[in-house]
Amino acid sequence: MAIDFKKELETAARNMIFVHDPDLLIKIIVRMVVDKVKVEHASILLFKPERQAYVLTVSGGSLAKKVPIGLACFDKDDSLIRFFRERDNRLLFNNEALTVENIQNALKNPDTKERLKSLMGDVLYQMGLLETVTCVPSYYRDELLGILLLGKKKNGSKISIQEQDFFVALASNMSMAIRNAYLFKELKSELDKKHQLFMRTTIALVAAIEAKDNYTHGHTTRVTNLSIEIAKRLAQKNKKIVDNKFLENLHIASLLHDVGKIGVPEQILNKRGSLTIGERNKIKKHPEIGVNILRPIKELEHSLVGIKYHHERPDGRGYPEGLKGEQIPLIASIISVADSYDAMTSDRPYRTALYKDDAVKEIGKLSNLQFSSRVTEVFLELCQEGKI
């Protein structure tokens, strides 16, 4: 059955838009060429900036068994690469595609300059080594991004002019898609670096908070780890309520849940005796102080509710707003259980730590009063399984 090249090109172009991984993109292209045009193999020499060379990155079909990926490597001065970088193919053949037949005819032509004959002789030799009958360059503006290498057709027929035109158009679309994929990859890398910097800054801020309170060293890390464990178990039960974005927001909120204690005097945080009502009220302001500190950072918008409301209670007796039941965001309810459990099982200025079993029983007893019943249920499950 005849191939509808226009339709195949449109489909390929449409699919390329949604692929942001350069390696995956060219794998898809190679697989499509082998399947649709029925060549013995299709491979791509792709320019790798880190190596400043063109590397056999993907190969489909017979050549893959003979030339391992990454082994064939051509620098910019290599004959095959130089031929396309200098655009000699267009000068000679008025076409982007280069075939063995083109070269053989040019070598026989007395008008072909000796320099080009020497260059094409080398190119022909290399194509033979790569079992390639057609090469199609892929340019972004005047920059050679890669070369599509095509083996013979399985039925023994020649690659037609129509098929060559298809490959040239495909290579043109491919160059733009590869360029976009590289830009997306670079952008993602930059965002990852910024995210890592943000997290390191956050951890440094947490260390500054804990330095104020002699009795809570390591508290933030433990609360964060426990919060994530609870959220992951909730995700197993209902993926709609806990996704990757929720986990990221929870991670940040749990790390920063006590950031507002920076605004509470150290003598109150480290007081050994009972707190006065005034001192207790100052401590109760730490969620709102934390939110006021962090509000200018727009990226933290969805983490702020966890910081602000992690001392709210389903019975309405929490602070700062006295929210009840489902009014309390899930992210805050998770931190509440993790925070309270770690507080109960840690020594504090005003009391010694509870045994783990006693703390677990206390949290179970306060389900739907101080703690969300949904979160408490998951917490108790994890305790019974020995994961806490």
Protein backbone atom coordinates (compact mmCIF):
# COMPACT_ATOMS: atom_id res chain seq x y z
CA MET A 1 0.00 0.00 0.00
CA ALA A 2 1.36 3.44 -0.98
CA ILE A 3 2.46 5.71 1.85
CA ASP A 4 0.67 9.02 2.26
CA PHE A 5 3.84 11.03 2.88
CA LYS A 6 2.01 14.28 3.57
CA LYS A 7 -0.10 12.61 6.24
CA GLU A 8 2.92 10.86 7.78
CA LEU A 9 4.84 14.14 7.87
CA GLU A 10 1.97 15.95 9.54
CA THR A 11 1.61 13.17 12.12
CA ALA A 12 5.35 13.16 12.82
CA ALA A 13 5.45 16.95 13.18
CA ARG A 14 2.46 16.89 15.52
CA ASN A 15 4.04 14.20 17.72
CA MET A 16 7.37 16.02 17.86
CA ILE A 17 5.80 19.05 19.51
CA PHE A 18 4.96 17.08 22.64
CA VAL A 19 8.36 15.40 23.12
CA HIS A 20 10.82 17.40 25.23
CA ASP A 21 13.53 14.76 25.57
CA PRO A 22 15.96 14.94 22.59
CA ASP A 23 16.97 11.27 22.83
CA LEU A 24 13.37 10.06 23.00
CA LEU A 25 12.47 12.34 20.09
CA ILE A 26 15.02 10.87 17.72
CA LYS A 27 14.16 7.32 18.81
CA ILE A 28 10.58 7.98 17.75
CA ILE A 29 11.74 9.39 14.40
CA VAL A 30 14.06 6.45 13.68
CA ARG A 31 11.39 3.91 14.60
CA MET A 32 8.88 5.65 12.35
CA VAL A 33 11.29 5.69 9.37
CA VAL A 34 12.17 2.01 9.73
CA ASP A 35 8.51 1.00 10.10
CA LYS A 36 6.99 3.19 7.40
CA VAL A 37 9.63 3.27 4.65
CA LYS A 38 10.88 -0.27 5.31
CA VAL A 39 14.60 0.46 5.22
CA GLU A 40 17.09 -2.01 6.64
CA HIS A 41 18.20 0.56 9.17
CA ALA A 42 17.87 4.21 10.08
CA SER A 43 20.31 6.00 12.37
CA ILE A 44 21.06 9.52 13.49
CA LEU A 45 24.39 11.23 13.96
CA LEU A 46 23.57 13.96 16.46
CA PHE A 47 25.76 16.87 17.49
CA LYS A 48 26.72 16.61 21.16
CA PRO A 49 27.90 20.02 22.48
CA GLU A 50 29.68 18.47 25.46
CA ARG A 51 31.83 16.38 23.11
CA GLN A 52 31.93 18.89 20.25
CA ALA A 53 31.32 15.99 17.90
CA TYR A 54 28.59 14.16 15.99
CA VAL A 55 27.77 10.86 17.68
CA LEU A 56 25.73 7.88 16.51
CA THR A 57 22.99 8.45 19.06
CA VAL A 58 20.16 6.22 17.89
CA SER A 59 20.08 3.32 15.48
CA GLY A 60 17.18 1.12 14.43
CA GLY A 61 17.41 -1.97 12.25
CA SER A 62 20.43 -3.99 11.12
CA LEU A 63 23.13 -1.40 11.81
CA ALA A 64 22.30 -1.35 15.51
CA LYS A 65 23.69 -4.89 15.81
CA LYS A 66 27.02 -3.92 14.18
CA VAL A 67 27.77 -0.41 15.45
CA PRO A 68 27.09 0.13 19.18
CA ILE A 69 25.40 3.40 20.12
CA GLY A 70 27.97 6.08 20.95
CA LEU A 71 30.86 4.24 19.31
CA ALA A 72 30.70 6.02 15.94
CA CYS A 73 31.89 9.56 16.61
CA PHE A 74 32.77 12.21 13.98
CA ASP A 75 34.41 15.53 14.73
CA LYS A 76 33.62 18.73 12.85
CA ASP A 77 36.54 18.26 10.45
CA ASP A 78 35.47 14.76 9.42
CA SER A 79 34.74 14.44 5.68
CA LEU A 80 31.06 13.45 6.06
CA ILE A 81 30.39 16.26 8.54
CA ARG A 82 32.38 18.83 6.56
CA PHE A 83 30.48 17.97 3.38
CA PHE A 84 27.18 18.95 4.97
CA ARG A 85 28.49 21.81 7.10
CA GLU A 86 29.89 23.46 3.97
CA ARG A 87 26.61 22.72 2.15
CA ASP A 88 28.48 21.13 -0.80
CA ASN A 89 25.54 18.78 -1.31
CA ARG A 90 23.27 21.69 -2.24
CA LEU A 91 25.93 23.15 -4.56
CA LEU A 92 26.35 19.84 -6.40
CA PHE A 93 22.88 18.32 -6.46
CA ASN A 94 20.46 21.16 -5.70
CA ASN A 95 19.06 18.91 -2.98
CA GLU A 96 19.67 18.43 0.74
CA ALA A 97 19.69 14.63 0.51
CA LEU A 98 22.88 12.84 -0.50
CA THR A 99 22.78 9.37 -2.06
CA VAL A 100 25.48 6.92 -3.07
CA GLU A 101 24.21 7.29 -6.63
CA ASN A 102 24.65 11.09 -6.46
CA ILE A 103 28.26 10.69 -5.38
CA GLN A 104 29.07 8.06 -8.00
CA ASN A 105 27.66 10.27 -10.77
CA ALA A 106 29.54 13.33 -9.47
CA LEU A 107 32.81 11.39 -9.37
CA LYS A 108 32.35 10.43 -13.03
CA ASN A 109 31.50 14.00 -14.02
CA PRO A 110 34.60 15.75 -15.50
CA ASP A 111 33.24 19.14 -14.35
CA THR A 112 33.42 18.16 -10.67
CA LYS A 113 36.32 19.92 -8.99
CA GLU A 114 39.15 17.78 -7.67
CA ARG A 115 38.69 19.06 -4.12
CA LEU A 116 35.08 17.87 -4.12
CA LYS A 117 36.02 14.55 -5.75
CA SER A 118 38.52 13.89 -2.96
CA LEU A 119 35.99 14.89 -0.30
CA MET A 120 33.21 12.79 -1.82
CA GLY A 121 35.51 9.80 -2.14
CA ASP A 122 36.02 9.92 1.62
CA VAL A 123 32.27 10.40 2.17
CA LEU A 124 31.47 7.42 -0.04
CA TYR A 125 33.91 5.27 1.94
CA GLN A 126 32.32 6.31 5.24
CA MET A 127 28.82 5.67 3.96
CA GLY A 128 29.96 2.19 2.99
CA LEU A 129 31.26 1.55 6.51
CA LEU A 130 27.91 2.70 7.90
CA GLU A 131 25.97 0.65 5.31
CA THR A 132 24.23 3.90 4.33
CA VAL A 133 22.78 4.67 0.89
CA THR A 134 21.19 8.03 1.73
CA CYS A 135 22.21 10.82 4.12
CA VAL A 136 19.82 13.62 5.04
CA PRO A 137 21.17 16.59 7.02
CA SER A 138 19.16 18.36 9.68
CA TYR A 139 19.88 22.07 10.01
CA TYR A 140 18.76 24.70 12.48
CA ARG A 141 19.30 27.89 10.49
CA ASP A 142 22.82 27.25 9.16
CA GLU A 143 23.89 25.02 12.03
CA LEU A 144 24.16 21.28 11.31
CA LEU A 145 22.39 19.53 14.19
CA GLY A 146 22.54 16.01 12.86
CA ILE A 147 22.46 13.63 9.91
CA LEU A 148 19.83 10.98 9.24
CA LEU A 149 21.53 7.84 7.86
CA LEU A 150 19.39 5.44 5.83
CA GLY A 151 20.19 1.92 4.76
CA LYS A 152 18.85 0.09 1.70
CA LYS A 153 15.14 -0.61 1.39
CA LYS A 154 14.25 -4.13 2.44
CA ASN A 155 12.61 -4.92 -0.91
CA GLY A 156 15.76 -3.93 -2.82
CA SER A 157 14.21 -0.96 -4.61
CA LYS A 158 15.79 2.51 -4.67
CA ILE A 159 14.74 5.26 -2.32
CA SER A 160 12.56 7.36 -4.61
CA ILE A 161 12.73 11.13 -5.13
CA GLN A 162 9.38 11.41 -3.34
CA GLU A 163 10.80 9.51 -0.37
CA GLN A 164 13.92 11.68 -0.38
CA ASP A 165 11.74 14.81 -0.30
CA PHE A 166 9.83 13.29 2.61
CA PHE A 167 13.07 12.69 4.53
CA VAL A 168 14.29 16.23 3.82
CA ALA A 169 11.02 17.69 5.12
CA LEU A 170 11.14 15.32 8.10
CA ALA A 171 14.72 16.38 8.87
CA SER A 172 13.66 20.03 8.72
CA ASN A 173 10.88 19.44 11.25
CA MET A 174 13.25 17.32 13.30
CA SER A 175 15.81 20.11 13.57
CA MET A 176 13.27 22.52 15.04
CA ALA A 177 11.94 19.85 17.41
CA ILE A 178 15.44 18.85 18.54
CA ARG A 179 16.35 22.49 19.09
CA ASN A 180 13.20 23.04 21.14
CA ALA A 181 13.85 19.84 23.10
CA TYR A 182 17.38 21.01 23.94
CA LEU A 183 16.08 24.42 25.00
CA PHE A 184 13.44 22.74 27.18
CA LYS A 185 16.12 20.51 28.70
CA GLU A 186 18.35 23.53 29.42
CA LEU A 187 15.41 25.40 30.95
CA LYS A 188 14.55 22.40 33.14
CA SER A 189 18.18 22.16 34.22
CA GLU A 190 18.18 25.85 35.17
CA LEU A 191 14.92 25.43 37.09
CA ASP A 192 16.33 22.38 38.87
CA LYS A 193 19.40 24.40 39.87
CA LYS A 194 17.20 27.22 41.17
CA HIS A 195 15.04 24.71 43.04
CA GLN A 196 18.12 23.15 44.63
CA LEU A 197 19.36 26.59 45.64
CA PHE A 198 15.93 27.39 47.09
CA MET A 199 15.88 24.12 49.08
CA ARG A 200 19.42 24.71 50.40
CA THR A 201 18.39 28.22 51.44
CA THR A 202 15.29 26.80 53.11
CA ILE A 203 17.34 24.24 55.03
CA ALA A 204 19.76 26.98 56.13
CA LEU A 205 16.77 29.00 57.36
CA VAL A 206 15.48 25.95 59.26
CA ALA A 207 18.90 25.54 60.89
CA ALA A 208 18.73 29.19 62.00
CA ILE A 209 15.30 28.56 63.57
CA GLU A 210 16.42 25.43 65.40
CA ALA A 211 19.51 27.24 66.68
CA LYS A 212 17.14 29.48 68.68
CA ASP A 213 15.41 26.55 70.36
CA ASN A 214 17.84 24.25 72.19
CA TYR A 215 15.23 21.52 72.61
CA THR A 216 14.01 21.09 69.06
CA HIS A 217 17.19 20.21 67.18
CA GLY A 218 16.26 17.82 64.36
CA HIS A 219 12.55 18.40 64.95
CA THR A 220 11.95 19.94 61.52
CA THR A 221 13.63 17.08 59.66
CA ARG A 222 11.65 14.47 61.60
CA VAL A 223 8.35 16.29 61.05
CA THR A 224 9.10 16.61 57.32
CA ASN A 225 9.97 12.92 56.93
CA LEU A 226 6.88 11.79 58.83
CA SER A 227 4.63 14.20 56.91
CA ILE A 228 5.87 12.81 53.58
CA GLU A 229 5.32 9.21 54.77
CA ILE A 230 1.73 10.01 55.76
CA ALA A 231 1.06 11.80 52.46
CA LYS A 232 2.46 8.91 50.40
CA ARG A 233 0.15 6.48 52.18
CA LEU A 234 -2.79 8.83 51.56
CA ALA A 235 -1.80 8.90 47.88
CA GLN A 236 -2.02 5.10 47.74
CA LYS A 237 -5.58 5.38 48.98
CA ASN A 238 -6.58 8.31 46.76
CA LYS A 239 -4.24 9.69 44.08
CA LYS A 240 -6.65 12.54 43.38
CA ILE A 241 -6.00 14.25 46.71
CA VAL A 242 -2.21 13.72 46.86
CA ASP A 243 -0.18 14.24 43.70
CA ASN A 244 3.47 15.20 43.10
CA LYS A 245 2.68 18.91 43.38
CA PHE A 246 0.97 18.35 46.74
CA LEU A 247 4.00 16.40 47.97
CA GLU A 248 6.33 19.22 46.92
CA ASN A 249 4.18 21.84 48.67
CA LEU A 250 3.98 19.63 51.77
CA HIS A 251 7.74 19.12 51.76
CA ILE A 252 8.35 22.87 51.81
CA ALA A 253 5.54 23.62 54.28
CA SER A 254 6.73 20.98 56.75
CA LEU A 255 10.31 22.25 56.52
CA LEU A 256 9.13 25.81 57.22
CA HIS A 257 6.20 25.14 59.55
CA ASP A 258 8.02 26.72 62.52
CA VAL A 259 9.77 29.54 60.64
CA GLY A 260 7.67 32.06 62.61
CA LYS A 261 9.48 31.09 65.81
CA ILE A 262 12.22 33.40 64.58
CA GLY A 263 9.92 36.15 65.90
CA VAL A 264 9.45 34.55 69.34
CA PRO A 265 11.93 35.50 72.12
CA GLU A 266 14.42 32.72 72.97
CA GLN A 267 13.72 32.98 76.68
CA ILE A 268 10.13 31.91 75.97
CA LEU A 269 11.11 29.06 73.64
CA ASN A 270 13.64 27.70 76.14
CA LYS A 271 11.74 28.41 79.36
CA ARG A 272 11.86 25.44 81.73
CA GLY A 273 8.78 26.25 83.76
CA SER A 274 5.16 26.74 82.79
CA LEU A 275 4.40 29.51 80.33
CA THR A 276 2.25 32.47 81.31
CA ILE A 277 -0.85 33.24 79.26
CA GLY A 278 1.01 36.14 77.64
CA GLU A 279 3.98 33.93 76.75
CA ARG A 280 1.70 31.24 75.36
CA ASN A 281 -0.06 33.82 73.22
CA LYS A 282 3.28 34.98 71.82
CA ILE A 283 4.12 31.41 70.80
CA LYS A 284 0.67 31.07 69.21
CA LYS A 285 1.58 33.92 66.86
CA HIS A 286 4.37 31.93 65.19
CA PRO A 287 2.21 30.50 62.34
CA GLU A 288 1.11 33.98 61.25
CA ILE A 289 4.61 35.41 61.71
CA GLY A 290 5.90 32.65 59.46
CA VAL A 291 3.33 33.39 56.78
CA ASN A 292 4.13 37.12 56.89
CA ILE A 293 7.84 36.35 56.44
CA LEU A 294 7.26 34.02 53.49
CA ARG A 295 4.30 35.66 51.73
CA PRO A 296 6.48 37.74 49.32
CA ILE A 297 7.79 34.49 47.81
CA LYS A 298 5.12 33.71 45.21
CA GLU A 299 6.35 30.16 44.66
CA LEU A 300 5.30 29.31 48.24
CA GLU A 301 1.66 30.28 47.76
CA HIS A 302 0.31 26.72 48.15
CA SER A 303 2.68 25.86 51.02
CA LEU A 304 1.62 28.82 53.17
CA VAL A 305 -1.68 27.23 54.25
CA GLY A 306 0.24 24.33 55.78
CA ILE A 307 2.41 26.76 57.72
CA LYS A 308 -0.48 28.96 58.82
CA TYR A 309 -2.96 26.29 59.88
CA HIS A 310 -0.88 23.41 61.28
CA HIS A 311 -2.13 24.22 64.81
CA GLU A 312 -5.82 24.24 63.87
CA ARG A 313 -8.07 21.48 65.31
CA PRO A 314 -11.17 19.77 63.90
CA ASP A 315 -13.06 20.70 67.12
CA GLY A 316 -12.40 24.39 66.46
CA ARG A 317 -10.15 24.93 69.48
CA GLY A 318 -6.96 25.50 67.47
CA TYR A 319 -5.26 28.66 66.30
CA PRO A 320 -4.85 31.16 64.63
CA GLU A 321 -8.42 31.18 63.22
CA GLY A 322 -10.25 28.41 65.06
CA LEU A 323 -11.11 26.50 61.88
CA LYS A 324 -13.20 23.34 62.16
CA GLY A 325 -13.33 19.96 60.41
CA GLU A 326 -12.99 20.13 56.64
CA GLN A 327 -12.18 23.85 56.82
CA ILE A 328 -8.65 22.82 57.73
CA PRO A 329 -6.50 22.16 54.62
CA LEU A 330 -5.19 18.59 54.33
CA ILE A 331 -1.59 19.80 54.09
CA ALA A 332 -1.97 21.45 57.53
CA SER A 333 -3.70 18.40 59.03
CA ILE A 334 -0.80 16.17 58.00
CA ILE A 335 1.80 18.51 59.52
CA SER A 336 -0.29 18.77 62.68
CA VAL A 337 -0.10 15.02 63.38
CA ALA A 338 3.60 14.78 62.48
CA ASP A 339 4.46 17.88 64.53
CA SER A 340 2.51 16.73 67.60
CA TYR A 341 3.90 13.19 67.51
CA ASP A 342 7.48 14.44 67.36
CA ALA A 343 6.82 16.97 70.12
CA MET A 344 5.32 14.25 72.34
CA THR A 345 8.27 11.90 71.82
CA SER A 346 10.97 14.57 72.34
CA ASP A 347 12.24 16.11 75.56
CA ARG A 348 11.01 19.64 76.06
CA PRO A 349 11.96 22.31 78.67
CA TYR A 350 8.71 21.75 80.56
CA ARG A 351 8.53 17.90 80.42
CA THR A 352 10.33 14.70 79.44
CA ALA A 353 9.45 12.75 76.30
CA LEU A 354 6.56 10.29 76.21
CA TYR A 355 7.15 6.68 75.19
CA LYS A 356 6.32 6.07 71.55
CA ASP A 357 3.36 3.78 72.35
CA ASP A 358 1.87 6.34 74.73
CA ALA A 359 2.19 9.09 72.11
CA VAL A 360 0.51 6.92 69.47
CA LYS A 361 -2.38 6.14 71.85
CA GLU A 362 -2.77 9.84 72.66
CA ILE A 363 -3.01 10.77 68.99
CA GLY A 364 -5.54 7.99 68.38
CA LYS A 365 -7.61 9.22 71.34
CA LEU A 366 -7.66 12.77 69.96
CA SER A 367 -8.77 11.74 66.45
CA ASN A 368 -11.43 14.14 65.13
CA LEU A 369 -10.83 16.42 68.12
CA GLN A 370 -7.27 17.70 67.79
CA PHE A 371 -6.37 15.72 64.67
CA SER A 372 -8.02 14.91 61.34
CA SER A 373 -9.56 11.43 61.52
CA ARG A 374 -8.41 10.67 57.95
CA VAL A 375 -4.80 11.58 58.74
CA THR A 376 -4.89 9.85 62.13
CA GLU A 377 -6.10 6.62 60.53
CA VAL A 378 -3.15 6.60 58.14
CA PHE A 379 -0.71 7.53 60.93
CA LEU A 380 -1.92 4.61 63.06
CA GLU A 381 -1.62 2.22 60.08
CA LEU A 382 2.01 3.24 59.58
CA CYS A 383 2.71 2.79 63.30
CA GLN A 384 1.19 -0.71 63.30
CA GLU A 385 3.35 -1.63 60.29
CA GLY A 386 6.47 -0.42 62.11
CA LYS A 387 7.13 2.33 59.56
CA ILE A 388 7.12 5.06 62.21
